[in-house]
C-alpha atoms as a PDB file:
ATOM      1  CA  MET A   1       1.326  -9.844  -9.796  1.00  0.00           C
ATOM      2  CA  ILE A   2       0.782  -8.144  -6.410  1.00  0.00           C
ATOM      3  CA  THR A   3       0.447  -9.858  -3.072  1.00  0.00           C
ATOM      4  CA  ALA A   4      -0.099  -8.376   0.367  1.00  0.00           C
ATOM      5  CA  GLU A   5       0.304 -10.716   3.300  1.00  0.00           C
ATOM      6  CA  GLY A   6      -0.460  -9.894   6.927  1.00  0.00           C
ATOM      7  CA  LEU A   7      -0.182  -6.128   6.444  1.00  0.00           C
ATOM      8  CA  THR A   8      -0.644  -4.228   9.712  1.00  0.00           C
ATOM      9  CA  LYS A   9      -0.502  -0.438   9.860  1.00  0.00           C
ATOM     10  CA  ILE A  10      -0.434   1.446  13.148  1.00  0.00           C
ATOM     11  CA  PHE A  11      -0.645   5.134  13.899  1.00  0.00           C
ATOM     12  CA  PHE A  12       0.568   7.008  16.939  1.00  0.00           C
ATOM     13  CA  ASP A  13      -1.871   9.622  18.174  1.00  0.00           C
ATOM     14  CA  PRO A  14      -1.257  11.059  21.631  1.00  0.00           C
ATOM     15  CA  LYS A  15      -4.774  12.545  21.617  1.00  0.00           C
ATOM     16  CA  ARG A  16      -6.224   9.031  21.379  1.00  0.00           C
ATOM     17  CA  GLY A  17      -3.926   7.666  24.041  1.00  0.00           C
ATOM     18  CA  GLY A  18      -1.100   6.238  21.949  1.00  0.00           C
ATOM     19  CA  GLU A  19      -1.072   3.663  19.181  1.00  0.00           C
ATOM     20  CA  PHE A  20      -4.043   2.324  17.249  1.00  0.00           C
ATOM     21  CA  ARG A  21      -4.294  -0.164  14.394  1.00  0.00           C
ATOM     22  CA  ALA A  22      -5.771   1.222  11.200  1.00  0.00           C
ATOM     23  CA  VAL A  23      -5.167  -2.019   9.269  1.00  0.00           C
ATOM     24  CA  ASP A  24      -4.743  -5.353  11.031  1.00  0.00           C
ATOM     25  CA  GLY A  25      -3.419  -8.313   9.065  1.00  0.00           C
ATOM     26  CA  ILE A  26      -4.933  -7.693   5.614  1.00  0.00           C
ATOM     27  CA  SER A  27      -3.946 -10.175   2.900  1.00  0.00           C
ATOM     28  CA  PHE A  28      -4.802 -10.406  -0.798  1.00  0.00           C
ATOM     29  CA  ASN A  29      -3.413 -11.648  -4.088  1.00  0.00           C
ATOM     30  CA  VAL A  30      -4.183 -10.072  -7.474  1.00  0.00           C
ATOM     31  CA  MET A  31      -2.897 -11.669 -10.668  1.00  0.00           C
ATOM     32  CA  ARG A  32      -2.314  -9.928 -14.007  1.00  0.00           C
ATOM     33  CA  GLY A  33      -5.640  -9.039 -15.631  1.00  0.00           C
ATOM     34  CA  GLU A  34      -7.614  -9.379 -12.387  1.00  0.00           C
ATOM     35  CA  ALA A  35      -9.296  -6.634 -10.413  1.00  0.00           C
ATOM     36  CA  LEU A  36      -9.867  -6.513  -6.677  1.00  0.00           C
ATOM     37  CA  GLY A  37     -12.521  -4.503  -4.907  1.00  0.00           C
ATOM     38  CA  ILE A  38     -12.044  -3.782  -1.222  1.00  0.00           C
ATOM     39  CA  VAL A  39     -15.289  -2.826   0.496  1.00  0.00           C
ATOM     40  CA  GLY A  40     -16.139  -1.938   4.048  1.00  0.00           C
ATOM     41  CA  GLU A  41     -17.520   0.640   6.380  1.00  0.00           C
ATOM     42  CA  SER A  42     -16.209   4.173   6.420  1.00  0.00           C
ATOM     43  CA  GLY A  43     -12.990   4.349   8.398  1.00  0.00           C
ATOM     44  CA  CYS A  44     -12.262   0.602   8.323  1.00  0.00           C
ATOM     45  CA  GLY A  45      -8.842   0.958   6.655  1.00  0.00           C
ATOM     46  CA  LYS A  46      -9.482   0.439   2.931  1.00  0.00           C
ATOM     47  CA  SER A  47      -7.626   3.559   1.826  1.00  0.00           C
ATOM     48  CA  VAL A  48      -4.937   3.218   4.483  1.00  0.00           C
ATOM     49  CA  ALA A  49      -4.132  -0.304   3.265  1.00  0.00           C
ATOM     50  CA  ASN A  50      -3.661   0.800  -0.343  1.00  0.00           C
ATOM     51  CA  LEU A  51      -1.813   4.010   0.471  1.00  0.00           C
ATOM     52  CA  SER A  52       0.485   2.095   2.821  1.00  0.00           C
ATOM     53  CA  ILE A  53       1.503  -0.366   0.117  1.00  0.00           C
ATOM     54  CA  LEU A  54       2.610   2.563  -2.062  1.00  0.00           C
ATOM     55  CA  LYS A  55       4.275   4.345   0.884  1.00  0.00           C
ATOM     56  CA  LEU A  56       2.027   7.372   0.523  1.00  0.00           C
ATOM     57  CA  ILE A  57       1.435   7.749   4.262  1.00  0.00           C
ATOM     58  CA  PRO A  58       4.316   9.440   6.098  1.00  0.00           C
ATOM     59  CA  SER A  59       6.070   7.707   8.964  1.00  0.00           C
ATOM     60  CA  PRO A  60       5.462   9.051  11.545  1.00  0.00           C
ATOM     61  CA  PRO A  61       2.586   9.089  12.280  1.00  0.00           C
ATOM     62  CA  GLY A  62       1.868   5.853  10.374  1.00  0.00           C
ATOM     63  CA  THR A  63       4.112   2.805  10.634  1.00  0.00           C
ATOM     64  CA  ILE A  64       3.857  -0.572   8.966  1.00  0.00           C
ATOM     65  CA  GLU A  65       4.169  -2.897  11.937  1.00  0.00           C
ATOM     66  CA  SER A  66       4.211  -6.179  10.022  1.00  0.00           C
ATOM     67  CA  GLY A  67       3.492  -7.877   6.739  1.00  0.00           C
ATOM     68  CA  GLU A  68       4.719  -7.668   3.200  1.00  0.00           C
ATOM     69  CA  ALA A  69       3.599  -6.334  -0.153  1.00  0.00           C
ATOM     70  CA  VAL A  70       5.266  -7.957  -3.164  1.00  0.00           C
ATOM     71  CA  PHE A  71       4.904  -6.809  -6.760  1.00  0.00           C
ATOM     72  CA  GLU A  72       6.492  -9.016  -9.409  1.00  0.00           C
ATOM     73  CA  GLY A  73       8.904 -10.464  -6.866  1.00  0.00           C
ATOM     74  CA  ARG A  74       9.956  -7.105  -5.361  1.00  0.00           C
ATOM     75  CA  ASP A  75       9.075  -6.135  -1.804  1.00  0.00           C
ATOM     76  CA  LEU A  76       7.393  -2.742  -2.090  1.00  0.00           C
ATOM     77  CA  LEU A  77       7.694  -2.090   1.638  1.00  0.00           C
ATOM     78  CA  THR A  78      11.505  -2.040   1.492  1.00  0.00           C
ATOM     79  CA  MET A  79      11.648   0.262  -1.531  1.00  0.00           C
ATOM     80  CA  SER A  80      11.820   4.047  -1.535  1.00  0.00           C
ATOM     81  CA  GLY A  81       8.895   6.051  -2.887  1.00  0.00           C
ATOM     82  CA  GLY A  82      10.904   6.860  -6.025  1.00  0.00           C
ATOM     83  CA  GLU A  83      11.693   3.203  -6.644  1.00  0.00           C
ATOM     84  CA  ILE A  84       8.025   2.276  -6.236  1.00  0.00           C
ATOM     85  CA  ARG A  85       6.982   4.914  -8.780  1.00  0.00           C
ATOM     86  CA  LYS A  86       9.489   3.557 -11.313  1.00  0.00           C
ATOM     87  CA  VAL A  87       8.272  -0.023 -10.857  1.00  0.00           C
ATOM     88  CA  ILE A  88       4.511   0.530 -10.950  1.00  0.00           C
ATOM     89  CA  HIS A  89       4.271   3.156 -13.689  1.00  0.00           C
ATOM     90  CA  VAL A  90       5.656   1.017 -16.493  1.00  0.00           C
ATOM     91  CA  PRO A  91       2.649   0.879 -18.881  1.00  0.00           C
ATOM     92  CA  ASP A  92       2.501  -2.906 -19.257  1.00  0.00           C
ATOM     93  CA  ARG A  93       2.402  -3.444 -15.490  1.00  0.00           C
ATOM     94  CA  LEU A  94       0.613  -0.364 -14.193  1.00  0.00           C
ATOM     95  CA  ILE A  95      -0.971  -0.646 -10.761  1.00  0.00           C
ATOM     96  CA  ASN A  96      -4.102   1.468 -10.566  1.00  0.00           C
ATOM     97  CA  LEU A  97      -5.173   1.855  -6.960  1.00  0.00           C
ATOM     98  CA  VAL A  98      -8.328   3.920  -6.962  1.00  0.00           C
ATOM     99  CA  VAL A  99      -8.840   5.313  -3.481  1.00  0.00           C
ATOM    100  CA  GLY A 100     -11.936   7.204  -2.595  1.00  0.00           C
END
């Protein structure tokens, strides 16, 4: 159903001396009816990974440097925010990314 492969998200922050990687090469595959829990220390990139897939982090400052996120054969990273909303909010294929 949804696959992320090699997703890398960088941010530019001149106060920190330039670019830094918030997510570096994350990959996962979740099939229909499955659930995935992403765990880790505070600040390790869990929320950034999920928000990046849905294009909910503005660019700049955040940029997807590499990777792909495919939902039912469609590359989410090449779609506009409006297109993503139309695809994922159809009731029989709803993606529920709980971030918090």
